[in-house]
Amino acid sequence: MSRKSQLAELRKLTLPELKKRLRDLKGEEFEMRFERISGKLENYRRVRELRRDIARIRTLITEMEMKL
């Protein structure tokens, strides 16, 4: 999925939905951290994508909170 379409999809979500998505991604990142340490992680690129997705969602949450 391209960044623009992903960002457009995220902008459609409400604030509670974005916070839930953020919580889910942070949980996935936590699990991947242990996989990387134990040497079981197969897709290292996913770690980078996850961090960027988390940053995008945090930015959108900040934008929405500033509008309130």
PDB file of N, CA and C in Angstrom:
ATOM      1  N   MET A   1       0.852  -1.172   0.000  1.00  0.00           N
ATOM      2  CA  MET A   1       0.000   0.000   0.000  1.00  0.00           C
ATOM      3  C   MET A   1       0.897   1.235   0.000  1.00  0.00           C
ATOM      4  N   SER A   2       0.575   2.226  -0.804  1.00  0.00           N
ATOM      5  CA  SER A   2       1.392   3.427  -0.879  1.00  0.00           C
ATOM      6  C   SER A   2       1.166   4.296   0.352  1.00  0.00           C
ATOM      7  N   ARG A   3       2.105   5.171   0.592  1.00  0.00           N
ATOM      8  CA  ARG A   3       2.012   6.046   1.762  1.00  0.00           C
ATOM      9  C   ARG A   3       0.798   6.945   1.691  1.00  0.00           C
ATOM     10  N   LYS A   4       0.503   7.472   0.505  1.00  0.00           N
ATOM     11  CA  LYS A   4      -0.631   8.389   0.372  1.00  0.00           C
ATOM     12  C   LYS A   4      -1.950   7.695   0.664  1.00  0.00           C
ATOM     13  N   SER A   5      -2.113   6.500   0.156  1.00  0.00           N
ATOM     14  CA  SER A   5      -3.360   5.790   0.411  1.00  0.00           C
ATOM     15  C   SER A   5      -3.440   5.361   1.877  1.00  0.00           C
ATOM     16  N   GLN A   6      -2.309   5.004   2.453  1.00  0.00           N
ATOM     17  CA  GLN A   6      -2.288   4.632   3.867  1.00  0.00           C
ATOM     18  C   GLN A   6      -2.627   5.843   4.735  1.00  0.00           C
ATOM     19  N   LEU A   7      -2.082   6.990   4.410  1.00  0.00           N
ATOM     20  CA  LEU A   7      -2.351   8.203   5.166  1.00  0.00           C
ATOM     21  C   LEU A   7      -3.808   8.619   5.018  1.00  0.00           C
ATOM     22  N   ALA A   8      -4.356   8.493   3.824  1.00  0.00           N
ATOM     23  CA  ALA A   8      -5.764   8.825   3.604  1.00  0.00           C
ATOM     24  C   ALA A   8      -6.668   7.904   4.421  1.00  0.00           C
ATOM     25  N   GLU A   9      -6.298   6.636   4.504  1.00  0.00           N
ATOM     26  CA  GLU A   9      -7.073   5.679   5.296  1.00  0.00           C
ATOM     27  C   GLU A   9      -7.010   6.045   6.781  1.00  0.00           C
ATOM     28  N   LEU A  10      -5.830   6.430   7.256  1.00  0.00           N
ATOM     29  CA  LEU A  10      -5.676   6.792   8.661  1.00  0.00           C
ATOM     30  C   LEU A  10      -6.442   8.072   9.007  1.00  0.00           C
ATOM     31  N   ARG A  11      -6.489   9.004   8.082  1.00  0.00           N
ATOM     32  CA  ARG A  11      -7.195  10.275   8.331  1.00  0.00           C
ATOM     33  C   ARG A  11      -8.700  10.066   8.490  1.00  0.00           C
ATOM     34  N   LYS A  12      -9.230   8.986   7.959  1.00  0.00           N
ATOM     35  CA  LYS A  12     -10.664   8.694   8.074  1.00  0.00           C
ATOM     36  C   LYS A  12     -11.040   8.192   9.469  1.00  0.00           C
ATOM     37  N   LEU A  13     -10.047   7.714  10.224  1.00  0.00           N
ATOM     38  CA  LEU A  13     -10.319   7.137  11.532  1.00  0.00           C
ATOM     39  C   LEU A  13     -10.558   8.218  12.581  1.00  0.00           C
ATOM     40  N   THR A  14     -11.304   7.850  13.614  1.00  0.00           N
ATOM     41  CA  THR A  14     -11.546   8.778  14.717  1.00  0.00           C
ATOM     42  C   THR A  14     -10.369   8.717  15.688  1.00  0.00           C
ATOM     43  N   LEU A  15     -10.356   9.643  16.629  1.00  0.00           N
ATOM     44  CA  LEU A  15      -9.266   9.698  17.598  1.00  0.00           C
ATOM     45  C   LEU A  15      -9.148   8.411  18.429  1.00  0.00           C
ATOM     46  N   PRO A  16     -10.252   7.866  18.971  1.00  0.00           N
ATOM     47  CA  PRO A  16     -10.124   6.609  19.723  1.00  0.00           C
ATOM     48  C   PRO A  16      -9.632   5.440  18.856  1.00  0.00           C
ATOM     49  N   GLU A  17     -10.041   5.417  17.592  1.00  0.00           N
ATOM     50  CA  GLU A  17      -9.590   4.355  16.693  1.00  0.00           C
ATOM     51  C   GLU A  17      -8.088   4.479  16.418  1.00  0.00           C
ATOM     52  N   LEU A  18      -7.602   5.720  16.264  1.00  0.00           N
ATOM     53  CA  LEU A  18      -6.174   5.929  16.048  1.00  0.00           C
ATOM     54  C   LEU A  18      -5.376   5.508  17.275  1.00  0.00           C
ATOM     55  N   LYS A  19      -5.892   5.818  18.452  1.00  0.00           N
ATOM     56  CA  LYS A  19      -5.192   5.436  19.676  1.00  0.00           C
ATOM     57  C   LYS A  19      -5.151   3.923  19.832  1.00  0.00           C
ATOM     58  N   LYS A  20      -6.219   3.240  19.433  1.00  0.00           N
ATOM     59  CA  LYS A  20      -6.242   1.781  19.486  1.00  0.00           C
ATOM     60  C   LYS A  20      -5.235   1.203  18.496  1.00  0.00           C
ATOM     61  N   ARG A  21      -5.197   1.752  17.295  1.00  0.00           N
ATOM     62  CA  ARG A  21      -4.236   1.296  16.282  1.00  0.00           C
ATOM     63  C   ARG A  21      -2.804   1.508  16.773  1.00  0.00           C
ATOM     64  N   LEU A  22      -2.558   2.649  17.420  1.00  0.00           N
ATOM     65  CA  LEU A  22      -1.235   2.931  17.959  1.00  0.00           C
ATOM     66  C   LEU A  22      -0.851   1.907  19.023  1.00  0.00           C
ATOM     67  N   ARG A  23      -1.786   1.590  19.894  1.00  0.00           N
ATOM     68  CA  ARG A  23      -1.549   0.599  20.948  1.00  0.00           C
ATOM     69  C   ARG A  23      -1.201  -0.762  20.335  1.00  0.00           C
ATOM     70  N   ASP A  24      -1.939  -1.139  19.293  1.00  0.00           N
ATOM     71  CA  ASP A  24      -1.693  -2.420  18.623  1.00  0.00           C
ATOM     72  C   ASP A  24      -0.304  -2.456  17.977  1.00  0.00           C
ATOM     73  N   LEU A  25       0.069  -1.372  17.305  1.00  0.00           N
ATOM     74  CA  LEU A  25       1.372  -1.322  16.634  1.00  0.00           C
ATOM     75  C   LEU A  25       2.514  -1.338  17.646  1.00  0.00           C
ATOM     76  N   LYS A  26       2.339  -0.634  18.764  1.00  0.00           N
ATOM     77  CA  LYS A  26       3.380  -0.633  19.785  1.00  0.00           C
ATOM     78  C   LYS A  26       3.540  -2.027  20.393  1.00  0.00           C
ATOM     79  N   GLY A  27       2.435  -2.765  20.529  1.00  0.00           N
ATOM     80  CA  GLY A  27       2.511  -4.143  21.009  1.00  0.00           C
ATOM     81  C   GLY A  27       3.260  -5.028  20.031  1.00  0.00           C
ATOM     82  N   GLU A  28       2.986  -4.831  18.754  1.00  0.00           N
ATOM     83  CA  GLU A  28       3.690  -5.605  17.724  1.00  0.00           C
ATOM     84  C   GLU A  28       5.179  -5.267  17.729  1.00  0.00           C
ATOM     85  N   GLU A  29       5.497  -3.991  17.896  1.00  0.00           N
ATOM     86  CA  GLU A  29       6.894  -3.568  17.953  1.00  0.00           C
ATOM     87  C   GLU A  29       7.599  -4.207  19.161  1.00  0.00           C
ATOM     88  N   PHE A  30       6.914  -4.266  20.285  1.00  0.00           N
ATOM     89  CA  PHE A  30       7.460  -4.878  21.496  1.00  0.00           C
ATOM     90  C   PHE A  30       7.802  -6.345  21.255  1.00  0.00           C
ATOM     91  N   GLU A  31       6.884  -7.066  20.612  1.00  0.00           N
ATOM     92  CA  GLU A  31       7.122  -8.477  20.312  1.00  0.00           C
ATOM     93  C   GLU A  31       8.284  -8.662  19.342  1.00  0.00           C
ATOM     94  N   MET A  32       8.376  -7.779  18.349  1.00  0.00           N
ATOM     95  CA  MET A  32       9.454  -7.882  17.360  1.00  0.00           C
ATOM     96  C   MET A  32      10.817  -7.623  17.994  1.00  0.00           C
ATOM     97  N   ARG A  33      10.837  -6.776  19.010  1.00  0.00           N
ATOM     98  CA  ARG A  33      12.091  -6.489  19.694  1.00  0.00           C
ATOM     99  C   ARG A  33      12.666  -7.771  20.300  1.00  0.00           C
ATOM    100  N   PHE A  34      11.811  -8.585  20.916  1.00  0.00           N
ATOM    101  CA  PHE A  34      12.272  -9.841  21.496  1.00  0.00           C
ATOM    102  C   PHE A  34      12.666 -10.843  20.414  1.00  0.00           C
ATOM    103  N   GLU A  35      11.932 -10.862  19.329  1.00  0.00           N
ATOM    104  CA  GLU A  35      12.291 -11.757  18.225  1.00  0.00           C
ATOM    105  C   GLU A  35      13.657 -11.401  17.665  1.00  0.00           C
ATOM    106  N   ARG A  36      13.941 -10.102  17.556  1.00  0.00           N
ATOM    107  CA  ARG A  36      15.226  -9.666  17.021  1.00  0.00           C
ATOM    108  C   ARG A  36      16.364 -10.069  17.958  1.00  0.00           C
ATOM    109  N   ILE A  37      16.144  -9.900  19.265  1.00  0.00           N
ATOM    110  CA  ILE A  37      17.179 -10.258  20.237  1.00  0.00           C
ATOM    111  C   ILE A  37      17.459 -11.755  20.213  1.00  0.00           C
ATOM    112  N   SER A  38      16.396 -12.554  20.100  1.00  0.00           N
ATOM    113  CA  SER A  38      16.571 -14.011  20.121  1.00  0.00           C
ATOM    114  C   SER A  38      17.010 -14.567  18.765  1.00  0.00           C
ATOM    115  N   GLY A  39      17.036 -13.725  17.740  1.00  0.00           N
ATOM    116  CA  GLY A  39      17.481 -14.165  16.429  1.00  0.00           C
ATOM    117  C   GLY A  39      16.400 -14.832  15.601  1.00  0.00           C
ATOM    118  N   LYS A  40      15.145 -14.718  16.012  1.00  0.00           N
ATOM    119  CA  LYS A  40      14.045 -15.361  15.295  1.00  0.00           C
ATOM    120  C   LYS A  40      13.359 -14.435  14.293  1.00  0.00           C
ATOM    121  N   LEU A  41      13.731 -13.165  14.290  1.00  0.00           N
ATOM    122  CA  LEU A  41      13.090 -12.206  13.401  1.00  0.00           C
ATOM    123  C   LEU A  41      13.539 -12.449  11.965  1.00  0.00           C
ATOM    124  N   GLU A  42      12.579 -12.614  11.076  1.00  0.00           N
ATOM    125  CA  GLU A  42      12.895 -12.897   9.677  1.00  0.00           C
ATOM    126  C   GLU A  42      12.821 -11.653   8.799  1.00  0.00           C
ATOM    127  N   ASN A  43      11.901 -10.735   9.119  1.00  0.00           N
ATOM    128  CA  ASN A  43      11.692  -9.573   8.271  1.00  0.00           C
ATOM    129  C   ASN A  43      12.123  -8.305   9.018  1.00  0.00           C
ATOM    130  N   TYR A  44      13.382  -7.925   8.851  1.00  0.00           N
ATOM    131  CA  TYR A  44      13.909  -6.748   9.544  1.00  0.00           C
ATOM    132  C   TYR A  44      13.315  -5.454   8.997  1.00  0.00           C
ATOM    133  N   ARG A  45      12.902  -5.478   7.762  1.00  0.00           N
ATOM    134  CA  ARG A  45      12.318  -4.281   7.152  1.00  0.00           C
ATOM    135  C   ARG A  45      11.005  -3.901   7.843  1.00  0.00           C
ATOM    136  N   ARG A  46      10.302  -4.884   8.342  1.00  0.00           N
ATOM    137  CA  ARG A  46       9.028  -4.634   9.019  1.00  0.00           C
ATOM    138  C   ARG A  46       9.216  -3.764  10.265  1.00  0.00           C
ATOM    139  N   VAL A  47      10.358  -3.899  10.932  1.00  0.00           N
ATOM    140  CA  VAL A  47      10.641  -3.081  12.114  1.00  0.00           C
ATOM    141  C   VAL A  47      10.663  -1.605  11.716  1.00  0.00           C
ATOM    142  N   ARG A  48      11.327  -1.320  10.632  1.00  0.00           N
ATOM    143  CA  ARG A  48      11.419   0.058  10.141  1.00  0.00           C
ATOM    144  C   ARG A  48      10.047   0.581   9.739  1.00  0.00           C
ATOM    145  N   GLU A  49       9.271  -0.237   9.047  1.00  0.00           N
ATOM    146  CA  GLU A  49       7.920   0.155   8.640  1.00  0.00           C
ATOM    147  C   GLU A  49       7.039   0.427   9.857  1.00  0.00           C
ATOM    148  N   LEU A  50       7.173  -0.408  10.871  1.00  0.00           N
ATOM    149  CA  LEU A  50       6.388  -0.237  12.091  1.00  0.00           C
ATOM    150  C   LEU A  50       6.701   1.088  12.759  1.00  0.00           C
ATOM    151  N   ARG A  51       7.981   1.409  12.886  1.00  0.00           N
ATOM    152  CA  ARG A  51       8.363   2.666  13.520  1.00  0.00           C
ATOM    153  C   ARG A  51       7.798   3.860  12.758  1.00  0.00           C
ATOM    154  N   ARG A  52       7.819   3.777  11.449  1.00  0.00           N
ATOM    155  CA  ARG A  52       7.286   4.879  10.639  1.00  0.00           C
ATOM    156  C   ARG A  52       5.763   4.973  10.754  1.00  0.00           C
ATOM    157  N   ASP A  53       5.087   3.827  10.799  1.00  0.00           N
ATOM    158  CA  ASP A  53       3.636   3.829  10.978  1.00  0.00           C
ATOM    159  C   ASP A  53       3.258   4.436  12.323  1.00  0.00           C
ATOM    160  N   ILE A  54       4.020   4.092  13.351  1.00  0.00           N
ATOM    161  CA  ILE A  54       3.769   4.652  14.682  1.00  0.00           C
ATOM    162  C   ILE A  54       3.947   6.167  14.655  1.00  0.00           C
ATOM    163  N   ALA A  55       4.974   6.642  13.987  1.00  0.00           N
ATOM    164  CA  ALA A  55       5.217   8.081  13.892  1.00  0.00           C
ATOM    165  C   ALA A  55       4.082   8.779  13.143  1.00  0.00           C
ATOM    166  N   ARG A  56       3.594   8.165  12.065  1.00  0.00           N
ATOM    167  CA  ARG A  56       2.477   8.754  11.313  1.00  0.00           C
ATOM    168  C   ARG A  56       1.239   8.887  12.185  1.00  0.00           C
ATOM    169  N   ILE A  57       0.937   7.837  12.920  1.00  0.00           N
ATOM    170  CA  ILE A  57      -0.258   7.850  13.756  1.00  0.00           C
ATOM    171  C   ILE A  57      -0.109   8.876  14.879  1.00  0.00           C
ATOM    172  N   ARG A  58       1.064   8.947  15.489  1.00  0.00           N
ATOM    173  CA  ARG A  58       1.290   9.946  16.543  1.00  0.00           C
ATOM    174  C   ARG A  58       1.108  11.361  16.002  1.00  0.00           C
ATOM    175  N   THR A  59       1.576  11.596  14.789  1.00  0.00           N
ATOM    176  CA  THR A  59       1.421  12.913  14.169  1.00  0.00           C
ATOM    177  C   THR A  59      -0.051  13.237  13.964  1.00  0.00           C
ATOM    178  N   LEU A  60      -0.808  12.286  13.469  1.00  0.00           N
ATOM    179  CA  LEU A  60      -2.245  12.508  13.256  1.00  0.00           C
ATOM    180  C   LEU A  60      -2.983  12.736  14.573  1.00  0.00           C
ATOM    181  N   ILE A  61      -2.611  11.996  15.604  1.00  0.00           N
ATOM    182  CA  ILE A  61      -3.239  12.183  16.914  1.00  0.00           C
ATOM    183  C   ILE A  61      -2.967  13.594  17.429  1.00  0.00           C
ATOM    184  N   THR A  62      -1.727  14.061  17.281  1.00  0.00           N
ATOM    185  CA  THR A  62      -1.378  15.406  17.714  1.00  0.00           C
ATOM    186  C   THR A  62      -2.167  16.443  16.934  1.00  0.00           C
ATOM    187  N   GLU A  63      -2.283  16.267  15.632  1.00  0.00           N
ATOM    188  CA  GLU A  63      -3.058  17.195  14.801  1.00  0.00           C
ATOM    189  C   GLU A  63      -4.508  17.256  15.272  1.00  0.00           C
ATOM    190  N   MET A  64      -5.100  16.097  15.520  1.00  0.00           N
ATOM    191  CA  MET A  64      -6.503  16.050  15.936  1.00  0.00           C
ATOM    192  C   MET A  64      -6.695  16.681  17.317  1.00  0.00           C
ATOM    193  N   GLU A  65      -5.770  16.438  18.220  1.00  0.00           N
ATOM    194  CA  GLU A  65      -5.887  17.002  19.558  1.00  0.00           C
ATOM    195  C   GLU A  65      -5.712  18.522  19.541  1.00  0.00           C
ATOM    196  N   MET A  66      -4.912  19.028  18.637  1.00  0.00           N
ATOM    197  CA  MET A  66      -4.726  20.477  18.540  1.00  0.00           C
ATOM    198  C   MET A  66      -5.957  21.169  17.974  1.00  0.00           C
ATOM    199  N   LYS A  67      -6.727  20.447  17.166  1.00  0.00           N
ATOM    200  CA  LYS A  67      -7.946  21.013  16.592  1.00  0.00           C
ATOM    201  C   LYS A  67      -9.052  21.146  17.631  1.00  0.00           C
ATOM    202  N   LEU A  68      -9.001  20.323  18.675  1.00  0.00           N
ATOM    203  CA  LEU A  68     -10.052  20.323  19.689  1.00  0.00           C
ATOM    204  C   LEU A  68      -9.984  21.531  20.564  1.00  0.00           C
TER     205      LEU A  68
END
